[in-house]
Amino acid sequence: MQDFRNHHDFRTLSAAFAIWAAHFTLLWAASITFPGEPAARWLALAFTVIALAALAWLYLRAGKPKLGSVAGLGLAIATVGTLYDSVPPLIG
């Protein structure tokens, strides 16, 4: 009889996308709360550093998955998305 379990790491994928979504939401809230003020830029920088640290921790926790895996691709997409989200608030 065959083993029908799924061996893909969808928890890491889901966690990476949740970090990305939380980062986007926090940046949006900061830019709406402090429009055009330096506080929004500082908050954006802090949130970005925290999100990237969380994604790095998740990468290490998942055992450094390869880019071709579900977890690796999810982490790569979430990292690029987090960096892309941080550009508009940081440049003004």
PDB file of N, CA and C in Angstrom:
ATOM      1  N   MET A   1       0.828  -1.170   0.000  1.00  0.00           N
ATOM      2  CA  MET A   1       0.000   0.000   0.000  1.00  0.00           C
ATOM      3  C   MET A   1       0.881   1.244   0.000  1.00  0.00           C
ATOM      4  N   GLN A   2       0.480   2.260  -0.757  1.00  0.00           N
ATOM      5  CA  GLN A   2       1.277   3.477  -0.884  1.00  0.00           C
ATOM      6  C   GLN A   2       0.978   4.470   0.235  1.00  0.00           C
ATOM      7  N   ASP A   3       1.969   5.309   0.495  1.00  0.00           N
ATOM      8  CA  ASP A   3       1.818   6.363   1.489  1.00  0.00           C
ATOM      9  C   ASP A   3       1.250   7.601   0.798  1.00  0.00           C
ATOM     10  N   PHE A   4       0.093   8.066   1.241  1.00  0.00           N
ATOM     11  CA  PHE A   4      -0.573   9.181   0.577  1.00  0.00           C
ATOM     12  C   PHE A   4      -0.381  10.506   1.306  1.00  0.00           C
ATOM     13  N   ARG A   5       0.573  10.592   2.202  1.00  0.00           N
ATOM     14  CA  ARG A   5       0.808  11.850   2.910  1.00  0.00           C
ATOM     15  C   ARG A   5       1.497  12.855   1.998  1.00  0.00           C
ATOM     16  N   ASN A   6       1.202  14.112   2.249  1.00  0.00           N
ATOM     17  CA  ASN A   6       1.805  15.196   1.491  1.00  0.00           C
ATOM     18  C   ASN A   6       3.048  15.664   2.248  1.00  0.00           C
ATOM     19  N   HIS A   7       4.192  15.637   1.611  1.00  0.00           N
ATOM     20  CA  HIS A   7       5.448  15.979   2.272  1.00  0.00           C
ATOM     21  C   HIS A   7       5.908  17.399   1.969  1.00  0.00           C
ATOM     22  N   HIS A   8       5.053  18.229   1.408  1.00  0.00           N
ATOM     23  CA  HIS A   8       5.416  19.612   1.139  1.00  0.00           C
ATOM     24  C   HIS A   8       5.200  20.444   2.396  1.00  0.00           C
ATOM     25  N   ASP A   9       6.027  21.457   2.544  1.00  0.00           N
ATOM     26  CA  ASP A   9       5.981  22.288   3.746  1.00  0.00           C
ATOM     27  C   ASP A   9       5.106  23.520   3.492  1.00  0.00           C
ATOM     28  N   PHE A  10       3.802  23.319   3.590  1.00  0.00           N
ATOM     29  CA  PHE A  10       2.877  24.425   3.362  1.00  0.00           C
ATOM     30  C   PHE A  10       2.762  25.333   4.580  1.00  0.00           C
ATOM     31  N   ARG A  11       3.186  24.871   5.740  1.00  0.00           N
ATOM     32  CA  ARG A  11       3.163  25.742   6.927  1.00  0.00           C
ATOM     33  C   ARG A  11       4.173  26.871   6.797  1.00  0.00           C
ATOM     34  N   THR A  12       5.344  26.570   6.272  1.00  0.00           N
ATOM     35  CA  THR A  12       6.349  27.613   6.062  1.00  0.00           C
ATOM     36  C   THR A  12       5.865  28.591   5.002  1.00  0.00           C
ATOM     37  N   LEU A  13       5.266  28.088   3.948  1.00  0.00           N
ATOM     38  CA  LEU A  13       4.704  28.951   2.907  1.00  0.00           C
ATOM     39  C   LEU A  13       3.645  29.877   3.501  1.00  0.00           C
ATOM     40  N   SER A  14       2.737  29.335   4.280  1.00  0.00           N
ATOM     41  CA  SER A  14       1.669  30.131   4.892  1.00  0.00           C
ATOM     42  C   SER A  14       2.225  31.158   5.867  1.00  0.00           C
ATOM     43  N   ALA A  15       3.208  30.776   6.654  1.00  0.00           N
ATOM     44  CA  ALA A  15       3.808  31.709   7.605  1.00  0.00           C
ATOM     45  C   ALA A  15       4.545  32.836   6.892  1.00  0.00           C
ATOM     46  N   ALA A  16       5.239  32.510   5.804  1.00  0.00           N
ATOM     47  CA  ALA A  16       5.950  33.538   5.037  1.00  0.00           C
ATOM     48  C   ALA A  16       4.969  34.542   4.439  1.00  0.00           C
ATOM     49  N   PHE A  17       3.882  34.056   3.890  1.00  0.00           N
ATOM     50  CA  PHE A  17       2.885  34.968   3.312  1.00  0.00           C
ATOM     51  C   PHE A  17       2.169  35.763   4.400  1.00  0.00           C
ATOM     52  N   ALA A  18       1.999  35.178   5.581  1.00  0.00           N
ATOM     53  CA  ALA A  18       1.382  35.908   6.694  1.00  0.00           C
ATOM     54  C   ALA A  18       2.299  37.038   7.173  1.00  0.00           C
ATOM     55  N   ILE A  19       3.600  36.791   7.211  1.00  0.00           N
ATOM     56  CA  ILE A  19       4.557  37.843   7.578  1.00  0.00           C
ATOM     57  C   ILE A  19       4.515  38.963   6.550  1.00  0.00           C
ATOM     58  N   TRP A  20       4.491  38.604   5.284  1.00  0.00           N
ATOM     59  CA  TRP A  20       4.424  39.599   4.213  1.00  0.00           C
ATOM     60  C   TRP A  20       3.135  40.423   4.330  1.00  0.00           C
ATOM     61  N   ALA A  21       2.022  39.776   4.561  1.00  0.00           N
ATOM     62  CA  ALA A  21       0.737  40.479   4.681  1.00  0.00           C
ATOM     63  C   ALA A  21       0.726  41.396   5.907  1.00  0.00           C
ATOM     64  N   ALA A  22       1.264  40.928   7.022  1.00  0.00           N
ATOM     65  CA  ALA A  22       1.328  41.760   8.225  1.00  0.00           C
ATOM     66  C   ALA A  22       2.227  42.971   7.994  1.00  0.00           C
ATOM     67  N   HIS A  23       3.333  42.761   7.311  1.00  0.00           N
ATOM     68  CA  HIS A  23       4.244  43.864   6.987  1.00  0.00           C
ATOM     69  C   HIS A  23       3.537  44.908   6.134  1.00  0.00           C
ATOM     70  N   PHE A  24       2.844  44.459   5.106  1.00  0.00           N
ATOM     71  CA  PHE A  24       2.126  45.391   4.243  1.00  0.00           C
ATOM     72  C   PHE A  24       1.067  46.163   5.030  1.00  0.00           C
ATOM     73  N   THR A  25       0.338  45.470   5.881  1.00  0.00           N
ATOM     74  CA  THR A  25      -0.721  46.106   6.667  1.00  0.00           C
ATOM     75  C   THR A  25      -0.149  47.147   7.632  1.00  0.00           C
ATOM     76  N   LEU A  26       0.947  46.809   8.290  1.00  0.00           N
ATOM     77  CA  LEU A  26       1.564  47.758   9.214  1.00  0.00           C
ATOM     78  C   LEU A  26       2.130  48.975   8.481  1.00  0.00           C
ATOM     79  N   LEU A  27       2.737  48.763   7.305  1.00  0.00           N
ATOM     80  CA  LEU A  27       3.238  49.901   6.527  1.00  0.00           C
ATOM     81  C   LEU A  27       2.098  50.794   6.075  1.00  0.00           C
ATOM     82  N   TRP A  28       1.025  50.188   5.640  1.00  0.00           N
ATOM     83  CA  TRP A  28      -0.133  50.972   5.196  1.00  0.00           C
ATOM     84  C   TRP A  28      -0.705  51.776   6.357  1.00  0.00           C
ATOM     85  N   ALA A  29      -0.829  51.143   7.522  1.00  0.00           N
ATOM     86  CA  ALA A  29      -1.362  51.841   8.696  1.00  0.00           C
ATOM     87  C   ALA A  29      -0.458  52.998   9.110  1.00  0.00           C
ATOM     88  N   ALA A  30       0.851  52.796   9.056  1.00  0.00           N
ATOM     89  CA  ALA A  30       1.783  53.870   9.417  1.00  0.00           C
ATOM     90  C   ALA A  30       1.708  55.025   8.427  1.00  0.00           C
ATOM     91  N   SER A  31       1.579  54.708   7.147  1.00  0.00           N
ATOM     92  CA  SER A  31       1.521  55.788   6.144  1.00  0.00           C
ATOM     93  C   SER A  31       0.203  56.543   6.200  1.00  0.00           C
ATOM     94  N   ILE A  32      -0.864  55.898   6.624  1.00  0.00           N
ATOM     95  CA  ILE A  32      -2.151  56.588   6.770  1.00  0.00           C
ATOM     96  C   ILE A  32      -2.174  57.410   8.065  1.00  0.00           C
ATOM     97  N   THR A  33      -1.562  56.887   9.116  1.00  0.00           N
ATOM     98  CA  THR A  33      -1.556  57.571  10.402  1.00  0.00           C
ATOM     99  C   THR A  33      -0.636  58.798  10.394  1.00  0.00           C
ATOM    100  N   PHE A  34       0.528  58.662   9.755  1.00  0.00           N
ATOM    101  CA  PHE A  34       1.510  59.751   9.710  1.00  0.00           C
ATOM    102  C   PHE A  34       1.854  60.093   8.255  1.00  0.00           C
ATOM    103  N   PRO A  35       0.922  60.665   7.497  1.00  0.00           N
ATOM    104  CA  PRO A  35       1.197  60.935   6.074  1.00  0.00           C
ATOM    105  C   PRO A  35       2.280  61.996   5.887  1.00  0.00           C
ATOM    106  N   GLY A  36       3.320  61.626   5.152  1.00  0.00           N
ATOM    107  CA  GLY A  36       4.389  62.555   4.815  1.00  0.00           C
ATOM    108  C   GLY A  36       5.305  62.942   5.962  1.00  0.00           C
ATOM    109  N   GLU A  37       5.197  62.286   7.098  1.00  0.00           N
ATOM    110  CA  GLU A  37       6.023  62.627   8.253  1.00  0.00           C
ATOM    111  C   GLU A  37       7.189  61.642   8.388  1.00  0.00           C
ATOM    112  N   PRO A  38       8.273  62.097   9.020  1.00  0.00           N
ATOM    113  CA  PRO A  38       9.413  61.197   9.227  1.00  0.00           C
ATOM    114  C   PRO A  38       9.070  59.977  10.092  1.00  0.00           C
ATOM    115  N   ALA A  39       8.080  60.103  10.954  1.00  0.00           N
ATOM    116  CA  ALA A  39       7.701  58.963  11.802  1.00  0.00           C
ATOM    117  C   ALA A  39       7.261  57.774  10.957  1.00  0.00           C
ATOM    118  N   ALA A  40       6.574  58.050   9.852  1.00  0.00           N
ATOM    119  CA  ALA A  40       6.135  56.955   8.972  1.00  0.00           C
ATOM    120  C   ALA A  40       7.336  56.255   8.344  1.00  0.00           C
ATOM    121  N   ARG A  41       8.353  57.007   7.986  1.00  0.00           N
ATOM    122  CA  ARG A  41       9.552  56.398   7.397  1.00  0.00           C
ATOM    123  C   ARG A  41      10.300  55.547   8.420  1.00  0.00           C
ATOM    124  N   TRP A  42      10.413  56.054   9.652  1.00  0.00           N
ATOM    125  CA  TRP A  42      11.088  55.290  10.687  1.00  0.00           C
ATOM    126  C   TRP A  42      10.322  54.021  11.041  1.00  0.00           C
ATOM    127  N   LEU A  43       9.013  54.137  11.098  1.00  0.00           N
ATOM    128  CA  LEU A  43       8.203  52.944  11.353  1.00  0.00           C
ATOM    129  C   LEU A  43       8.338  51.946  10.205  1.00  0.00           C
ATOM    130  N   ALA A  44       8.340  52.444   8.971  1.00  0.00           N
ATOM    131  CA  ALA A  44       8.490  51.553   7.813  1.00  0.00           C
ATOM    132  C   ALA A  44       9.825  50.825   7.870  1.00  0.00           C
ATOM    133  N   LEU A  45      10.874  51.541   8.231  1.00  0.00           N
ATOM    134  CA  LEU A  45      12.186  50.915   8.341  1.00  0.00           C
ATOM    135  C   LEU A  45      12.195  49.854   9.445  1.00  0.00           C
ATOM    136  N   ALA A  46      11.615  50.190  10.591  1.00  0.00           N
ATOM    137  CA  ALA A  46      11.581  49.234  11.704  1.00  0.00           C
ATOM    138  C   ALA A  46      10.755  48.001  11.349  1.00  0.00           C
ATOM    139  N   PHE A  47       9.585  48.208  10.752  1.00  0.00           N
ATOM    140  CA  PHE A  47       8.740  47.072  10.370  1.00  0.00           C
ATOM    141  C   PHE A  47       9.413  46.197   9.321  1.00  0.00           C
ATOM    142  N   THR A  48      10.149  46.817   8.412  1.00  0.00           N
ATOM    143  CA  THR A  48      10.834  46.046   7.371  1.00  0.00           C
ATOM    144  C   THR A  48      11.950  45.204   7.968  1.00  0.00           C
ATOM    145  N   VAL A  49      12.714  45.773   8.867  1.00  0.00           N
ATOM    146  CA  VAL A  49      13.792  45.013   9.514  1.00  0.00           C
ATOM    147  C   VAL A  49      13.213  43.843  10.310  1.00  0.00           C
ATOM    148  N   ILE A  50      12.131  44.095  11.023  1.00  0.00           N
ATOM    149  CA  ILE A  50      11.500  43.023  11.800  1.00  0.00           C
ATOM    150  C   ILE A  50      10.958  41.927  10.888  1.00  0.00           C
ATOM    151  N   ALA A  51      10.310  42.308   9.791  1.00  0.00           N
ATOM    152  CA  ALA A  51       9.757  41.318   8.861  1.00  0.00           C
ATOM    153  C   ALA A  51      10.865  40.499   8.201  1.00  0.00           C
ATOM    154  N   LEU A  52      11.954  41.150   7.800  1.00  0.00           N
ATOM    155  CA  LEU A  52      13.062  40.416   7.186  1.00  0.00           C
ATOM    156  C   LEU A  52      13.731  39.484   8.195  1.00  0.00           C
ATOM    157  N   ALA A  53      13.832  39.917   9.443  1.00  0.00           N
ATOM    158  CA  ALA A  53      14.389  39.034  10.481  1.00  0.00           C
ATOM    159  C   ALA A  53      13.479  37.833  10.705  1.00  0.00           C
ATOM    160  N   ALA A  54      12.171  38.050  10.689  1.00  0.00           N
ATOM    161  CA  ALA A  54      11.230  36.938  10.856  1.00  0.00           C
ATOM    162  C   ALA A  54      11.320  35.966   9.676  1.00  0.00           C
ATOM    163  N   LEU A  55      11.465  36.494   8.471  1.00  0.00           N
ATOM    164  CA  LEU A  55      11.602  35.614   7.302  1.00  0.00           C
ATOM    165  C   LEU A  55      12.923  34.852   7.347  1.00  0.00           C
ATOM    166  N   ALA A  56      13.990  35.489   7.816  1.00  0.00           N
ATOM    167  CA  ALA A  56      15.277  34.796   7.949  1.00  0.00           C
ATOM    168  C   ALA A  56      15.181  33.685   8.991  1.00  0.00           C
ATOM    169  N   TRP A  57      14.513  33.976  10.112  1.00  0.00           N
ATOM    170  CA  TRP A  57      14.319  32.951  11.141  1.00  0.00           C
ATOM    171  C   TRP A  57      13.506  31.779  10.588  1.00  0.00           C
ATOM    172  N   LEU A  58      12.475  32.094   9.819  1.00  0.00           N
ATOM    173  CA  LEU A  58      11.646  31.052   9.222  1.00  0.00           C
ATOM    174  C   LEU A  58      12.450  30.208   8.239  1.00  0.00           C
ATOM    175  N   TYR A  59      13.337  30.855   7.482  1.00  0.00           N
ATOM    176  CA  TYR A  59      14.206  30.151   6.537  1.00  0.00           C
ATOM    177  C   TYR A  59      15.114  29.163   7.280  1.00  0.00           C
ATOM    178  N   LEU A  60      15.702  29.620   8.362  1.00  0.00           N
ATOM    179  CA  LEU A  60      16.579  28.736   9.134  1.00  0.00           C
ATOM    180  C   LEU A  60      15.792  27.632   9.823  1.00  0.00           C
ATOM    181  N   ARG A  61      14.603  27.960  10.314  1.00  0.00           N
ATOM    182  CA  ARG A  61      13.755  26.969  10.987  1.00  0.00           C
ATOM    183  C   ARG A  61      13.310  25.869  10.029  1.00  0.00           C
ATOM    184  N   ALA A  62      13.102  26.237   8.773  1.00  0.00           N
ATOM    185  CA  ALA A  62      12.660  25.262   7.776  1.00  0.00           C
ATOM    186  C   ALA A  62      13.819  24.408   7.253  1.00  0.00           C
ATOM    187  N   GLY A  63      15.030  24.674   7.728  1.00  0.00           N
ATOM    188  CA  GLY A  63      16.173  23.860   7.303  1.00  0.00           C
ATOM    189  C   GLY A  63      16.776  24.311   5.996  1.00  0.00           C
ATOM    190  N   LYS A  64      16.771  25.607   5.734  1.00  0.00           N
ATOM    191  CA  LYS A  64      17.331  26.200   4.516  1.00  0.00           C
ATOM    192  C   LYS A  64      16.806  25.496   3.255  1.00  0.00           C
ATOM    193  N   PRO A  65      15.508  25.613   3.000  1.00  0.00           N
ATOM    194  CA  PRO A  65      14.936  24.914   1.840  1.00  0.00           C
ATOM    195  C   PRO A  65      15.454  25.480   0.518  1.00  0.00           C
ATOM    196  N   LYS A  66      15.523  24.616  -0.469  1.00  0.00           N
ATOM    197  CA  LYS A  66      15.964  25.037  -1.809  1.00  0.00           C
ATOM    198  C   LYS A  66      14.869  25.857  -2.467  1.00  0.00           C
ATOM    199  N   LEU A  67      15.254  26.667  -3.431  1.00  0.00           N
ATOM    200  CA  LEU A  67      14.314  27.548  -4.107  1.00  0.00           C
ATOM    201  C   LEU A  67      13.239  26.768  -4.872  1.00  0.00           C
ATOM    202  N   GLY A  68      13.547  25.562  -5.291  1.00  0.00           N
ATOM    203  CA  GLY A  68      12.586  24.758  -6.034  1.00  0.00           C
ATOM    204  C   GLY A  68      11.512  24.107  -5.176  1.00  0.00           C
ATOM    205  N   SER A  69      11.634  24.221  -3.864  1.00  0.00           N
ATOM    206  CA  SER A  69      10.629  23.614  -2.991  1.00  0.00           C
ATOM    207  C   SER A  69       9.505  24.610  -2.710  1.00  0.00           C
ATOM    208  N   VAL A  70       8.419  24.107  -2.181  1.00  0.00           N
ATOM    209  CA  VAL A  70       7.270  24.956  -1.850  1.00  0.00           C
ATOM    210  C   VAL A  70       7.681  25.986  -0.804  1.00  0.00           C
ATOM    211  N   ALA A  71       8.379  25.549   0.235  1.00  0.00           N
ATOM    212  CA  ALA A  71       8.792  26.456   1.304  1.00  0.00           C
ATOM    213  C   ALA A  71       9.802  27.481   0.794  1.00  0.00           C
ATOM    214  N   GLY A  72      10.762  27.048   0.007  1.00  0.00           N
ATOM    215  CA  GLY A  72      11.789  27.957  -0.513  1.00  0.00           C
ATOM    216  C   GLY A  72      11.217  29.011  -1.440  1.00  0.00           C
ATOM    217  N   LEU A  73      10.319  28.591  -2.316  1.00  0.00           N
ATOM    218  CA  LEU A  73       9.698  29.547  -3.232  1.00  0.00           C
ATOM    219  C   LEU A  73       8.800  30.519  -2.483  1.00  0.00           C
ATOM    220  N   GLY A  74       8.069  30.036  -1.492  1.00  0.00           N
ATOM    221  CA  GLY A  74       7.230  30.914  -0.686  1.00  0.00           C
ATOM    222  C   GLY A  74       8.049  31.945   0.072  1.00  0.00           C
ATOM    223  N   LEU A  75       9.162  31.511   0.632  1.00  0.00           N
ATOM    224  CA  LEU A  75      10.036  32.446   1.342  1.00  0.00           C
ATOM    225  C   LEU A  75      10.649  33.465   0.393  1.00  0.00           C
ATOM    226  N   ALA A  76      11.031  33.039  -0.795  1.00  0.00           N
ATOM    227  CA  ALA A  76      11.607  33.966  -1.774  1.00  0.00           C
ATOM    228  C   ALA A  76      10.577  35.010  -2.213  1.00  0.00           C
ATOM    229  N   ILE A  77       9.374  34.571  -2.513  1.00  0.00           N
ATOM    230  CA  ILE A  77       8.321  35.502  -2.934  1.00  0.00           C
ATOM    231  C   ILE A  77       7.991  36.477  -1.813  1.00  0.00           C
ATOM    232  N   ALA A  78       7.891  35.980  -0.584  1.00  0.00           N
ATOM    233  CA  ALA A  78       7.571  36.851   0.549  1.00  0.00           C
ATOM    234  C   ALA A  78       8.692  37.851   0.827  1.00  0.00           C
ATOM    235  N   THR A  79       9.945  37.436   0.662  1.00  0.00           N
ATOM    236  CA  THR A  79      11.068  38.351   0.879  1.00  0.00           C
ATOM    237  C   THR A  79      11.091  39.453  -0.165  1.00  0.00           C
ATOM    238  N   VAL A  80      10.925  39.091  -1.425  1.00  0.00           N
ATOM    239  CA  VAL A  80      10.897  40.096  -2.485  1.00  0.00           C
ATOM    240  C   VAL A  80       9.694  41.022  -2.308  1.00  0.00           C
ATOM    241  N   GLY A  81       8.549  40.472  -1.939  1.00  0.00           N
ATOM    242  CA  GLY A  81       7.364  41.282  -1.704  1.00  0.00           C
ATOM    243  C   GLY A  81       7.546  42.241  -0.540  1.00  0.00           C
ATOM    244  N   THR A  82       8.197  41.795   0.516  1.00  0.00           N
ATOM    245  CA  THR A  82       8.460  42.653   1.669  1.00  0.00           C
ATOM    246  C   THR A  82       9.389  43.804   1.278  1.00  0.00           C
ATOM    247  N   LEU A  83      10.426  43.499   0.530  1.00  0.00           N
ATOM    248  CA  LEU A  83      11.335  44.556   0.076  1.00  0.00           C
ATOM    249  C   LEU A  83      10.632  45.524  -0.864  1.00  0.00           C
ATOM    250  N   TYR A  84       9.798  45.016  -1.742  1.00  0.00           N
ATOM    251  CA  TYR A  84       9.055  45.861  -2.679  1.00  0.00           C
ATOM    252  C   TYR A  84       8.061  46.756  -1.943  1.00  0.00           C
ATOM    253  N   ASP A  85       7.403  46.220  -0.932  1.00  0.00           N
ATOM    254  CA  ASP A  85       6.444  47.004  -0.152  1.00  0.00           C
ATOM    255  C   ASP A  85       7.115  48.145   0.599  1.00  0.00           C
ATOM    256  N   SER A  86       8.378  47.967   0.962  1.00  0.00           N
ATOM    257  CA  SER A  86       9.039  48.963   1.795  1.00  0.00           C
ATOM    258  C   SER A  86       9.583  50.145   0.992  1.00  0.00           C
ATOM    259  N   VAL A  87       9.677  50.032  -0.311  1.00  0.00           N
ATOM    260  CA  VAL A  87      10.279  51.110  -1.112  1.00  0.00           C
ATOM    261  C   VAL A  87       9.444  52.403  -1.079  1.00  0.00           C
ATOM    262  N   PRO A  88       8.151  52.395  -1.388  1.00  0.00           N
ATOM    263  CA  PRO A  88       7.412  53.672  -1.403  1.00  0.00           C
ATOM    264  C   PRO A  88       7.413  54.428  -0.071  1.00  0.00           C
ATOM    265  N   PRO A  89       7.176  53.766   1.075  1.00  0.00           N
ATOM    266  CA  PRO A  89       7.211  54.530   2.314  1.00  0.00           C
ATOM    267  C   PRO A  89       8.585  55.109   2.649  1.00  0.00           C
ATOM    268  N   LEU A  90       9.639  54.391   2.265  1.00  0.00           N
ATOM    269  CA  LEU A  90      10.975  54.853   2.625  1.00  0.00           C
ATOM    270  C   LEU A  90      11.449  56.013   1.753  1.00  0.00           C
ATOM    271  N   ILE A  91      11.010  56.066   0.495  1.00  0.00           N
ATOM    272  CA  ILE A  91      11.456  57.164  -0.365  1.00  0.00           C
ATOM    273  C   ILE A  91      10.511  58.333  -0.376  1.00  0.00           C
ATOM    274  N   GLY A  92       9.368  58.177   0.241  1.00  0.00           N
ATOM    275  CA  GLY A  92       8.515  59.313   0.431  1.00  0.00           C
ATOM    276  C   GLY A  92       7.273  59.355  -0.345  1.00  0.00           C
TER     277      GLY A  92
END
